[in-house]
Amino acid sequence: MIRDITIGQYYQEASMIHILDPRTKLLWTMMYIITIFLNHTIVGFLLSGVVFFLIAYLTKVPFSFMVRGLKGIFMLLIVTVCFQILFTSGEILISIGILKITKEGIYAAFFVMLRLILLVLFSSLMTFTTTPKQLTDGMETLFSPLKRFLPIHEIAMMMSITLRFIPILMEELDKIMKAQQARGADFETGGIVKRVKALIPLLVPLFVAAFRRADELAVAMDARCYHGGEGRTKMKPLRLAGRDFFAFLFGIIYFIGIIFCRKAERKSYMKRIMLRVAYDGTNYCGWQIQKNGITIEQVLNEKLSNLLQEEITVIGASRTDSGVHALGNVAVFDTNTKIPADKISFALNQHLPCDITIQGSKEVPIDFHPRYCASDKTYEYKILNTTFDIPIYRLYSYFVYHPLDLEQMQEALQYFIGEHDFASFASSGGQAKTTIRTINYLELFKKENMIIMRINGNGFLYNMVRIIVGTLLQVGHHKYPPEYIEEIFAAHNRNMAGPTAPARGLTLVEIHYKE
């Protein structure tokens, strides 16, 4: 296995890649590594594979020599693939005790393996076709803008010496192994533990040889008055030729191709996920993103973007006001994540604050819109009607100490049921195209000291529920007779209705979508 390590080795050959400027090869290597991690599709990896084989062919380096370098990472490949297969959540294909093989795990393992293989092979091409001196000059020139902050020449020199020493030390290790094998040592037979133990006696002479070579190199550099890169000139300064510009152009075309594949993948795998969101609205400035404070929408966008590693923007069904609570608000977002839709709620809840919880998640049609699809909403408003306030209810109910006439309030309810123009029950600033809404049912009941109003309709205007509550409270205080509700409707004037009840008593209970 030690003889199979090819990193840092230079393969002498007269090829188009060998004669390229080292800066070109360095930039190409960095760009290729970036594209490897951008790839998420078969098409993208096919493109990367074709580019690799084309460049490998142009190097004239035997493919068998390149593949030898993969033997050194064989165990890493196996471990990585096993971890991906066994510990990636998703659709279970095979279950053996606590071990579960998922469809998503196999998919992830395949792409991780491809990434590692292409990463090692393409990086090796640079060392196969570039001498250590060329690498040093290329790195020093390429990163020269950073000279003000870092000793670029020294860093490049150290990396070059390191790469040069790898094959030298491998040769030294091979000589030591052969010498010990001639004396009866066995490195090839037995189990993995025995073979590892057999390698331990090799380390001492190898380290001695390494330190001796390092000392000899330091003495030689001192004898030649080496003092870093300050004032040094080059016998063969680097110059970009026409072939380098052609290589850059080819690299740009390849990079654009990868970006196109990535965008096509996002479009083809894009799906819409629906969330049922429960939250305590006390500490938030409502649902919709605001400049003056944190909102539910803002938190969901941030946490989803971090979780899924892509830019996420949710669309909410109901833009609840500051201080309003919810048991079942609905939001959707588009994503190309491989996480199963029903598992997103579990994963997201691990990142959300304690006053926001996802009650469920599922995939919906891509054209589903939570605000424009036919639905009805159910709201609940709680009024604490007692002589003294109860602190534990202060954030989730409206405290009214005057006794309320529940019978009068229930009589007034009947005027709201059905289809009406609710212009008198809407605050200014709403964006609704029409003020006509249908109330399916409206009920009022008392549970101990708590009066609860539950209302269901096909939609609600800005502050509509809270204004209805405020108007009913006026009826309960005998300021309005129940039949006055008809006059309020007819007036189409917000000033005719009662005040807007506080937000803390309001909860969005449920949004039901009709099929």
Protein backbone atom coordinates (compact mmCIF):
# COMPACT_ATOMS: atom_id res chain seq x y z
CA MET A 1 0.00 0.00 0.00
CA ILE A 2 2.89 2.35 0.76
CA ARG A 3 4.23 1.84 -2.76
CA ASP A 4 0.86 2.92 -4.12
CA ILE A 5 1.10 6.47 -2.76
CA THR A 6 1.57 8.69 -5.82
CA ILE A 7 0.90 12.16 -4.39
CA GLY A 8 3.76 14.58 -4.96
CA GLN A 9 5.32 12.48 -7.74
CA TYR A 10 6.24 14.13 -11.03
CA TYR A 11 5.75 12.10 -14.20
CA GLN A 12 8.10 13.26 -16.94
CA GLU A 13 6.30 13.52 -20.27
CA ALA A 14 6.03 15.89 -23.22
CA SER A 15 2.33 16.75 -23.17
CA MET A 16 0.08 19.76 -23.68
CA ILE A 17 -0.69 19.82 -19.95
CA HIS A 18 2.95 19.60 -18.84
CA ILE A 19 3.88 22.77 -20.73
CA LEU A 20 1.00 24.84 -19.35
CA ASP A 21 1.83 27.65 -16.93
CA PRO A 22 1.69 26.34 -13.31
CA ARG A 23 -0.70 29.19 -12.40
CA THR A 24 -3.13 27.90 -15.01
CA LYS A 25 -2.97 24.41 -13.53
CA LEU A 26 -3.38 25.71 -9.97
CA LEU A 27 -6.45 27.79 -10.89
CA TRP A 28 -7.91 24.88 -12.83
CA THR A 29 -7.42 22.57 -9.86
CA MET A 30 -9.10 25.00 -7.46
CA MET A 31 -11.98 25.54 -9.88
CA TYR A 32 -12.44 21.81 -10.42
CA ILE A 33 -12.54 21.16 -6.66
CA ILE A 34 -15.22 23.86 -6.28
CA THR A 35 -17.33 22.35 -9.07
CA ILE A 36 -17.02 18.89 -7.50
CA PHE A 37 -18.76 20.18 -4.39
CA LEU A 38 -21.32 22.11 -6.44
CA ASN A 39 -22.33 18.93 -8.27
CA HIS A 40 -25.47 17.15 -7.09
CA THR A 41 -26.68 15.42 -10.26
CA ILE A 42 -25.61 12.54 -12.47
CA VAL A 43 -25.37 14.92 -15.44
CA GLY A 44 -23.05 17.24 -13.52
CA PHE A 45 -20.76 14.39 -12.47
CA LEU A 46 -20.77 13.02 -16.01
CA LEU A 47 -19.58 16.41 -17.24
CA SER A 48 -16.85 16.51 -14.54
CA GLY A 49 -15.85 12.94 -15.42
CA VAL A 50 -15.61 13.70 -19.14
CA VAL A 51 -13.46 16.77 -18.42
CA PHE A 52 -11.19 14.74 -16.14
CA PHE A 53 -10.69 11.93 -18.69
CA LEU A 54 -10.02 14.47 -21.45
CA ILE A 55 -7.35 16.26 -19.40
CA ALA A 56 -5.91 12.93 -18.18
CA TYR A 57 -5.62 11.78 -21.79
CA LEU A 58 -3.80 14.97 -22.75
CA THR A 59 -1.27 14.49 -19.91
CA LYS A 60 -0.11 11.16 -21.44
CA VAL A 61 0.23 9.81 -17.89
CA PRO A 62 -0.81 6.11 -17.80
CA PHE A 63 -4.24 5.75 -16.23
CA SER A 64 -3.04 2.75 -14.20
CA PHE A 65 -0.45 5.03 -12.59
CA MET A 66 -3.17 7.54 -11.62
CA VAL A 67 -5.46 4.87 -10.17
CA ARG A 68 -2.68 3.61 -7.90
CA GLY A 69 -3.18 6.72 -5.78
CA LEU A 70 -6.75 5.62 -4.95
CA LYS A 71 -5.50 2.57 -3.05
CA GLY A 72 -4.22 4.86 -0.29
CA ILE A 73 -7.73 6.22 0.37
CA PHE A 74 -9.55 2.91 -0.06
CA MET A 75 -10.35 2.52 3.65
CA LEU A 76 -11.47 6.16 3.86
CA LEU A 77 -13.83 5.53 0.93
CA ILE A 78 -15.30 2.44 2.58
CA VAL A 79 -15.85 4.14 5.95
CA THR A 80 -17.38 7.25 4.36
CA VAL A 81 -19.74 5.23 2.16
CA CYS A 82 -20.86 3.08 5.11
CA PHE A 83 -21.59 6.12 7.26
CA GLN A 84 -23.66 7.71 4.50
CA ILE A 85 -25.67 4.54 3.83
CA LEU A 86 -26.37 3.68 7.47
CA PHE A 87 -26.87 7.11 9.06
CA THR A 88 -28.77 9.12 6.45
CA SER A 89 -32.48 9.41 7.23
CA GLY A 90 -35.07 8.83 4.56
CA GLU A 91 -37.08 6.07 2.90
CA ILE A 92 -36.00 2.77 4.51
CA LEU A 93 -35.15 -0.02 2.06
CA ILE A 94 -33.54 -2.56 4.42
CA SER A 95 -33.73 -2.67 8.21
CA ILE A 96 -31.47 -4.92 10.30
CA GLY A 97 -31.91 -4.13 13.99
CA ILE A 98 -30.75 -0.58 14.62
CA LEU A 99 -29.10 -0.44 11.19
CA LYS A 100 -31.26 1.04 8.45
CA ILE A 101 -30.32 1.40 4.80
CA THR A 102 -32.23 4.22 3.16
CA LYS A 103 -32.75 5.27 -0.43
CA GLU A 104 -31.39 8.72 0.36
CA GLY A 105 -28.36 7.14 2.09
CA ILE A 106 -27.42 5.13 -1.00
CA TYR A 107 -27.87 8.23 -3.13
CA ALA A 108 -25.65 10.33 -0.81
CA ALA A 109 -22.99 7.58 -0.54
CA PHE A 110 -22.73 7.34 -4.32
CA PHE A 111 -22.11 11.03 -4.76
CA VAL A 112 -19.68 11.26 -1.82
CA MET A 113 -17.66 8.42 -3.34
CA LEU A 114 -17.60 10.14 -6.74
CA ARG A 115 -16.48 13.39 -5.13
CA LEU A 116 -13.59 11.77 -3.26
CA ILE A 117 -12.39 9.80 -6.30
CA LEU A 118 -12.50 12.77 -8.68
CA LEU A 119 -10.92 15.01 -6.04
CA VAL A 120 -7.92 12.71 -5.53
CA LEU A 121 -7.47 11.91 -9.22
CA PHE A 122 -7.66 15.49 -10.50
CA SER A 123 -5.44 16.85 -7.71
CA SER A 124 -2.87 14.18 -8.60
CA LEU A 125 -2.81 15.41 -12.21
CA MET A 126 -1.35 18.71 -11.03
CA THR A 127 1.58 17.05 -9.22
CA PHE A 128 2.09 14.55 -12.08
CA THR A 129 2.50 17.37 -14.61
CA THR A 130 4.18 20.08 -12.52
CA THR A 131 7.63 20.04 -10.95
CA PRO A 132 8.03 21.24 -7.34
CA LYS A 133 9.95 24.30 -8.57
CA GLN A 134 7.13 25.20 -10.98
CA LEU A 135 4.57 24.76 -8.21
CA THR A 136 6.57 27.09 -5.94
CA ASP A 137 6.85 29.77 -8.61
CA GLY A 138 3.20 29.41 -9.57
CA MET A 139 1.90 29.66 -6.01
CA GLU A 140 4.18 32.57 -5.19
CA THR A 141 3.10 34.53 -8.27
CA LEU A 142 -0.57 33.62 -7.97
CA PHE A 143 -0.82 34.69 -4.34
CA SER A 144 1.54 37.68 -4.61
CA PRO A 145 -1.28 40.19 -3.74
CA LEU A 146 -1.22 38.69 -0.22
CA LYS A 147 2.48 39.48 0.35
CA ARG A 148 1.59 42.41 2.58
CA PHE A 149 -0.11 40.08 5.02
CA LEU A 150 1.61 36.70 4.62
CA PRO A 151 5.11 35.39 3.77
CA ILE A 152 3.92 33.97 0.44
CA HIS A 153 7.34 32.89 -0.82
CA GLU A 154 8.14 30.97 2.36
CA ILE A 155 4.73 29.28 2.40
CA ALA A 156 5.08 28.26 -1.25
CA MET A 157 8.59 27.00 -0.61
CA MET A 158 7.45 24.88 2.37
CA MET A 159 4.60 23.34 0.39
CA SER A 160 6.91 22.62 -2.51
CA ILE A 161 9.49 20.97 -0.25
CA THR A 162 6.73 18.94 1.41
CA LEU A 163 5.45 17.66 -1.93
CA ARG A 164 9.00 16.90 -3.06
CA PHE A 165 9.79 15.03 0.16
CA ILE A 166 6.76 12.72 -0.05
CA PRO A 167 8.11 10.53 -2.91
CA ILE A 168 11.64 10.75 -1.48
CA LEU A 169 10.46 9.48 1.91
CA MET A 170 8.39 6.78 0.22
CA GLU A 171 11.53 5.59 -1.56
CA GLU A 172 13.41 5.68 1.72
CA LEU A 173 10.63 3.69 3.42
CA ASP A 174 10.69 1.15 0.59
CA LYS A 175 14.47 0.66 1.07
CA ILE A 176 14.01 0.19 4.84
CA MET A 177 11.22 -2.36 4.26
CA LYS A 178 13.33 -4.34 1.79
CA ALA A 179 16.30 -4.29 4.20
CA GLN A 180 14.14 -5.60 7.06
CA GLN A 181 12.45 -8.17 4.80
CA ALA A 182 15.94 -9.45 3.89
CA ARG A 183 16.41 -10.01 7.63
CA GLY A 184 13.17 -11.99 7.94
CA ALA A 185 10.57 -9.29 8.68
CA ASP A 186 7.04 -9.96 7.39
CA PHE A 187 4.81 -7.03 6.38
CA GLU A 188 2.38 -8.74 4.01
CA THR A 189 0.73 -11.59 5.94
CA GLY A 190 -1.57 -11.79 8.96
CA GLY A 191 -4.48 -9.67 10.09
CA ILE A 192 -4.70 -5.91 10.07
CA VAL A 193 -3.50 -5.62 13.69
CA LYS A 194 -0.43 -7.79 13.05
CA ARG A 195 0.44 -5.83 9.89
CA VAL A 196 0.13 -2.50 11.70
CA LYS A 197 2.37 -3.75 14.53
CA ALA A 198 4.92 -4.91 11.94
CA LEU A 199 5.09 -1.38 10.53
CA ILE A 200 5.99 0.21 13.87
CA PRO A 201 9.74 -0.74 13.67
CA LEU A 202 9.86 1.15 10.35
CA LEU A 203 8.96 4.48 11.93
CA VAL A 204 12.20 5.06 13.87
CA PRO A 205 14.62 4.70 10.93
CA LEU A 206 12.17 6.62 8.71
CA PHE A 207 12.03 9.58 11.09
CA VAL A 208 15.82 9.51 11.45
CA ALA A 209 16.19 9.62 7.67
CA ALA A 210 13.63 12.43 7.41
CA PHE A 211 15.38 14.57 10.02
CA ARG A 212 18.77 13.88 8.40
CA ARG A 213 17.49 14.99 4.99
CA ALA A 214 15.83 18.06 6.50
CA ASP A 215 19.08 19.01 8.25
CA GLU A 216 21.09 18.54 5.05
CA LEU A 217 18.61 20.70 3.14
CA ALA A 218 18.77 23.46 5.79
CA VAL A 219 22.61 23.45 5.68
CA ALA A 220 22.58 23.58 1.90
CA MET A 221 20.13 26.52 1.87
CA ASP A 222 22.25 28.36 4.48
CA ALA A 223 25.42 27.74 2.41
CA ARG A 224 23.71 29.37 -0.55
CA CYS A 225 22.69 32.38 1.62
CA TYR A 226 18.98 31.72 1.35
CA HIS A 227 17.01 34.44 3.17
CA GLY A 228 13.48 34.08 1.83
CA GLY A 229 11.99 35.66 -1.25
CA GLU A 230 13.14 39.25 -0.68
CA GLY A 231 15.19 40.50 -3.66
CA ARG A 232 15.23 37.14 -5.43
CA THR A 233 15.08 36.93 -9.21
CA LYS A 234 14.13 34.03 -11.47
CA MET A 235 16.10 32.59 -14.32
CA LYS A 236 12.87 31.56 -16.07
CA PRO A 237 10.08 33.97 -15.12
CA LEU A 238 6.55 32.74 -15.69
CA ARG A 239 4.74 34.00 -18.78
CA LEU A 240 1.24 33.15 -19.92
CA ALA A 241 1.02 31.85 -23.47
CA GLY A 242 -1.86 31.44 -25.92
CA ARG A 243 -2.44 27.86 -24.76
CA ASP A 244 -3.01 29.15 -21.21
CA PHE A 245 -5.72 31.55 -22.39
CA PHE A 246 -7.32 28.69 -24.29
CA ALA A 247 -7.23 26.61 -21.07
CA PHE A 248 -8.86 29.50 -19.15
CA LEU A 249 -11.60 29.74 -21.80
CA PHE A 250 -12.21 26.01 -21.59
CA GLY A 251 -12.39 26.30 -17.78
CA ILE A 252 -14.99 29.09 -18.00
CA ILE A 253 -17.12 27.02 -20.37
CA TYR A 254 -16.87 24.02 -18.02
CA PHE A 255 -17.80 26.13 -14.97
CA ILE A 256 -20.83 27.61 -16.78
CA GLY A 257 -21.87 24.07 -17.71
CA ILE A 258 -21.75 22.97 -14.06
CA ILE A 259 -23.77 26.03 -12.97
CA PHE A 260 -26.35 25.27 -15.67
CA CYS A 261 -26.58 21.63 -14.49
CA ARG A 262 -27.03 22.84 -10.91
CA LYS A 263 -29.84 25.23 -11.87
CA ALA A 264 -31.52 22.57 -13.98
CA GLU A 265 -31.31 20.19 -11.02
CA ARG A 266 -32.84 22.74 -8.65
CA LYS A 267 -35.69 23.28 -11.08
CA SER A 268 -36.31 19.59 -11.70
CA TYR A 269 -36.13 18.58 -8.04
CA MET A 270 -37.94 21.62 -6.68
CA LYS A 271 -40.85 20.74 -4.43
CA ARG A 272 -43.23 22.71 -2.24
CA ILE A 273 -43.47 21.88 1.45
CA MET A 274 -46.36 22.92 3.68
CA LEU A 275 -45.81 23.59 7.38
CA ARG A 276 -48.39 23.85 10.13
CA VAL A 277 -46.96 26.39 12.53
CA ALA A 278 -47.88 26.98 16.17
CA TYR A 279 -46.44 29.94 18.04
CA ASP A 280 -46.74 32.23 21.01
CA GLY A 281 -46.86 35.68 19.42
CA THR A 282 -45.98 37.61 22.60
CA ASN A 283 -42.37 38.33 21.69
CA TYR A 284 -42.88 38.87 17.96
CA CYS A 285 -43.98 41.76 15.77
CA GLY A 286 -46.51 39.59 13.99
CA TRP A 287 -45.99 37.15 11.13
CA GLN A 288 -44.76 39.30 8.26
CA ILE A 289 -41.17 40.58 8.18
CA GLN A 290 -40.90 44.07 9.70
CA LYS A 291 -38.10 46.61 10.00
CA ASN A 292 -38.85 47.38 13.63
CA GLY A 293 -38.55 43.93 15.18
CA ILE A 294 -38.31 40.16 14.87
CA THR A 295 -41.19 38.25 13.25
CA ILE A 296 -42.31 34.64 12.83
CA GLU A 297 -41.62 34.70 9.09
CA GLN A 298 -38.10 36.02 9.66
CA VAL A 299 -37.26 33.26 12.14
CA LEU A 300 -38.60 30.53 9.83
CA ASN A 301 -36.63 31.88 6.86
CA GLU A 302 -33.38 31.98 8.83
CA LYS A 303 -33.74 28.55 10.45
CA LEU A 304 -34.89 26.81 7.26
CA SER A 305 -32.05 28.38 5.25
CA ASN A 306 -29.50 27.15 7.81
CA LEU A 307 -31.06 23.68 7.99
CA LEU A 308 -31.42 23.09 4.25
CA GLN A 309 -28.31 25.06 3.18
CA GLU A 310 -30.23 27.08 0.60
CA GLU A 311 -32.04 30.39 0.50
CA ILE A 312 -35.59 29.82 1.78
CA THR A 313 -38.50 32.25 1.79
CA VAL A 314 -41.77 31.07 3.32
CA ILE A 315 -45.24 32.19 2.25
CA GLY A 316 -47.74 32.40 5.10
CA ALA A 317 -51.48 31.81 4.91
CA SER A 318 -52.38 34.35 7.59
CA ARG A 319 -50.34 37.47 8.41
CA THR A 320 -51.17 37.58 12.10
CA ASP A 321 -50.57 40.84 13.98
CA SER A 322 -48.09 41.55 16.72
CA GLY A 323 -48.98 39.59 19.88
CA VAL A 324 -51.46 37.26 18.13
CA HIS A 325 -50.96 33.53 18.74
CA ALA A 326 -51.48 30.51 16.49
CA LEU A 327 -52.12 26.80 16.88
CA GLY A 328 -52.30 26.01 13.19
CA ASN A 329 -51.09 28.75 10.86
CA VAL A 330 -49.90 27.48 7.47
CA ALA A 331 -46.76 28.32 5.52
CA VAL A 332 -45.20 26.90 2.36
CA PHE A 333 -41.73 27.10 0.85
CA ASP A 334 -39.92 25.71 -2.20
CA THR A 335 -36.84 23.54 -1.84
CA ASN A 336 -34.81 20.88 -3.59
CA THR A 337 -33.73 19.17 -0.38
CA LYS A 338 -33.51 15.37 -0.26
CA ILE A 339 -34.92 15.31 3.29
CA PRO A 340 -38.36 13.63 3.25
CA ALA A 341 -41.15 16.18 3.59
CA ASP A 342 -42.61 14.62 6.75
CA LYS A 343 -39.19 14.66 8.45
CA ILE A 344 -38.57 18.38 7.93
CA SER A 345 -40.84 19.27 10.86
CA PHE A 346 -38.76 17.11 13.23
CA ALA A 347 -35.47 18.53 11.97
CA LEU A 348 -36.68 22.14 11.99
CA ASN A 349 -38.03 21.95 15.55
CA GLN A 350 -34.49 21.24 16.76
CA HIS A 351 -33.43 24.71 15.54
CA LEU A 352 -36.47 26.82 16.44
CA PRO A 353 -36.95 28.80 19.68
CA CYS A 354 -39.27 27.33 22.29
CA ASP A 355 -42.17 29.68 21.39
CA ILE A 356 -42.39 28.40 17.78
CA THR A 357 -43.16 24.76 16.93
CA ILE A 358 -43.90 23.01 13.64
CA GLN A 359 -46.91 20.73 14.10
CA GLY A 360 -46.45 18.89 10.82
CA SER A 361 -44.95 19.07 7.34
CA LYS A 362 -45.90 17.51 4.02
CA GLU A 363 -45.37 17.95 0.31
CA VAL A 364 -48.07 19.78 -1.64
CA PRO A 365 -48.51 20.55 -5.37
CA ILE A 366 -46.02 23.11 -6.66
CA ASP A 367 -48.86 25.51 -7.56
CA PHE A 368 -50.44 25.38 -4.09
CA HIS A 369 -50.70 28.85 -2.52
CA PRO A 370 -51.82 29.09 1.13
CA ARG A 371 -53.59 32.44 0.67
CA TYR A 372 -55.31 31.92 -2.68
CA CYS A 373 -56.51 28.32 -2.41
CA ALA A 374 -60.09 27.87 -1.16
CA SER A 375 -60.07 27.58 2.62
CA ASP A 376 -61.76 28.57 5.83
CA LYS A 377 -60.11 29.85 9.00
CA THR A 378 -61.03 29.39 12.63
CA TYR A 379 -60.09 31.99 15.24
CA GLU A 380 -60.59 32.00 18.99
CA TYR A 381 -60.71 35.00 21.28
CA LYS A 382 -60.50 34.68 25.08
CA ILE A 383 -61.89 37.24 27.53
CA LEU A 384 -61.09 36.88 31.22
CA ASN A 385 -64.19 38.27 32.92
CA THR A 386 -63.53 38.38 36.66
CA THR A 387 -63.06 40.93 39.39
CA PHE A 388 -59.29 40.56 39.54
CA ASP A 389 -56.79 39.70 36.84
CA ILE A 390 -55.09 36.27 36.90
CA PRO A 391 -51.40 36.65 35.99
CA ILE A 392 -51.00 33.29 34.20
CA TYR A 393 -53.65 34.34 31.65
CA ARG A 394 -52.34 37.86 31.06
CA LEU A 395 -50.54 37.01 27.77
CA TYR A 396 -53.33 34.87 26.29
CA SER A 397 -56.59 36.68 27.16
CA TYR A 398 -58.13 40.15 27.49
CA PHE A 399 -59.01 41.04 31.09
CA VAL A 400 -62.40 42.74 31.55
CA TYR A 401 -63.48 43.34 35.15
CA HIS A 402 -66.97 44.73 34.42
CA PRO A 403 -69.64 42.00 34.32
CA LEU A 404 -70.72 41.16 30.75
CA ASP A 405 -74.23 40.30 29.59
CA LEU A 406 -73.54 37.01 27.82
CA GLU A 407 -77.15 36.63 26.59
CA GLN A 408 -77.10 40.02 24.86
CA MET A 409 -73.73 39.19 23.25
CA GLN A 410 -75.03 35.81 22.00
CA GLU A 411 -78.07 37.54 20.51
CA ALA A 412 -75.80 39.95 18.63
CA LEU A 413 -73.80 37.05 17.16
CA GLN A 414 -76.63 36.13 14.78
CA TYR A 415 -76.18 39.35 12.80
CA PHE A 416 -72.62 38.37 11.79
CA ILE A 417 -73.37 34.92 10.37
CA GLY A 418 -73.57 34.63 6.58
CA GLU A 419 -72.21 36.76 3.76
CA HIS A 420 -71.84 40.50 4.54
CA ASP A 421 -69.82 43.54 3.64
CA PHE A 422 -67.51 43.89 6.64
CA ALA A 423 -66.14 47.33 5.70
CA SER A 424 -67.19 48.71 9.10
CA PHE A 425 -65.22 45.94 10.83
CA ALA A 426 -61.87 46.44 9.12
CA SER A 427 -59.00 48.77 10.02
CA SER A 428 -57.39 50.91 7.35
CA GLY A 429 -54.16 49.60 5.85
CA GLY A 430 -55.49 46.24 4.68
CA GLN A 431 -54.70 44.97 1.18
CA ALA A 432 -57.94 43.07 0.49
CA LYS A 433 -59.55 43.59 -2.93
CA THR A 434 -63.05 43.25 -1.48
CA THR A 435 -64.55 43.66 2.00
CA ILE A 436 -67.23 41.00 1.46
CA ARG A 437 -66.68 37.93 3.63
CA THR A 438 -68.72 34.91 4.75
CA ILE A 439 -68.92 33.83 8.40
CA ASN A 440 -69.83 30.14 8.60
CA TYR A 441 -70.38 30.03 12.33
CA LEU A 442 -69.83 32.23 15.38
CA GLU A 443 -70.27 30.94 18.90
CA LEU A 444 -69.80 32.39 22.37
CA PHE A 445 -69.59 30.37 25.57
CA LYS A 446 -68.32 30.76 29.11
CA LYS A 447 -65.97 28.35 30.86
CA GLU A 448 -65.59 29.34 34.52
CA ASN A 449 -64.29 32.93 34.34
CA MET A 450 -63.24 32.74 30.71
CA ILE A 451 -65.53 33.86 27.89
CA ILE A 452 -64.47 32.25 24.60
CA MET A 453 -65.56 33.39 21.18
CA ARG A 454 -64.94 31.00 18.29
CA ILE A 455 -65.42 32.24 14.73
CA ASN A 456 -65.05 30.46 11.37
CA GLY A 457 -65.15 32.05 7.93
CA ASN A 458 -63.75 32.02 4.41
CA GLY A 459 -61.46 34.93 5.19
CA PHE A 460 -60.93 37.88 7.49
CA LEU A 461 -60.04 41.51 6.93
CA TYR A 462 -57.32 43.44 8.76
CA ASN A 463 -58.23 43.43 12.52
CA MET A 464 -61.71 42.13 11.64
CA VAL A 465 -61.95 39.54 14.44
CA ARG A 466 -60.65 41.96 17.07
CA ILE A 467 -63.12 44.66 16.00
CA ILE A 468 -65.98 42.14 16.16
CA VAL A 469 -64.90 41.28 19.71
CA GLY A 470 -64.65 44.96 20.65
CA THR A 471 -68.16 45.53 19.28
CA LEU A 472 -69.56 42.52 21.17
CA LEU A 473 -67.99 43.85 24.36
CA GLN A 474 -69.92 47.09 23.84
CA VAL A 475 -73.08 45.00 23.59
CA GLY A 476 -72.10 43.11 26.75
CA HIS A 477 -71.69 46.45 28.55
CA HIS A 478 -75.18 47.54 27.32
CA LYS A 479 -73.67 50.40 25.29
CA TYR A 480 -75.03 48.91 22.04
CA PRO A 481 -78.27 46.95 21.65
CA PRO A 482 -77.85 43.68 19.67
CA GLU A 483 -79.83 45.03 16.67
CA TYR A 484 -77.38 47.94 16.37
CA ILE A 485 -75.10 45.52 14.51
CA GLU A 486 -77.34 45.92 11.43
CA GLU A 487 -76.80 49.68 11.45
CA ILE A 488 -73.01 49.18 11.67
CA PHE A 489 -73.06 46.93 8.59
CA ALA A 490 -75.21 49.39 6.64
CA ALA A 491 -72.99 52.37 7.47
CA HIS A 492 -69.77 50.99 5.90
CA ASN A 493 -67.96 53.16 8.41
CA ARG A 494 -65.27 51.87 10.76
CA ASN A 495 -66.11 54.56 13.35
CA MET A 496 -69.57 53.03 13.87
CA ALA A 497 -68.19 49.76 15.28
CA GLY A 498 -66.61 49.19 18.68
CA PRO A 499 -62.91 49.53 19.55
CA THR A 500 -60.27 47.02 18.45
CA ALA A 501 -59.72 44.40 21.17
CA PRO A 502 -56.09 43.71 22.22
CA ALA A 503 -54.11 41.18 20.17
CA ARG A 504 -53.07 38.98 23.11
CA GLY A 505 -56.50 37.35 23.41
CA LEU A 506 -56.58 36.18 19.76
CA THR A 507 -55.42 32.77 18.53
CA LEU A 508 -55.52 31.37 15.01
CA VAL A 509 -56.77 27.85 15.70
CA GLU A 510 -56.91 26.21 12.30
CA ILE A 511 -56.86 26.74 8.53
CA HIS A 512 -58.80 24.12 6.59
CA TYR A 513 -58.27 23.75 2.85
CA LYS A 514 -61.12 22.53 0.65
CA GLU A 515 -60.39 19.92 -1.97
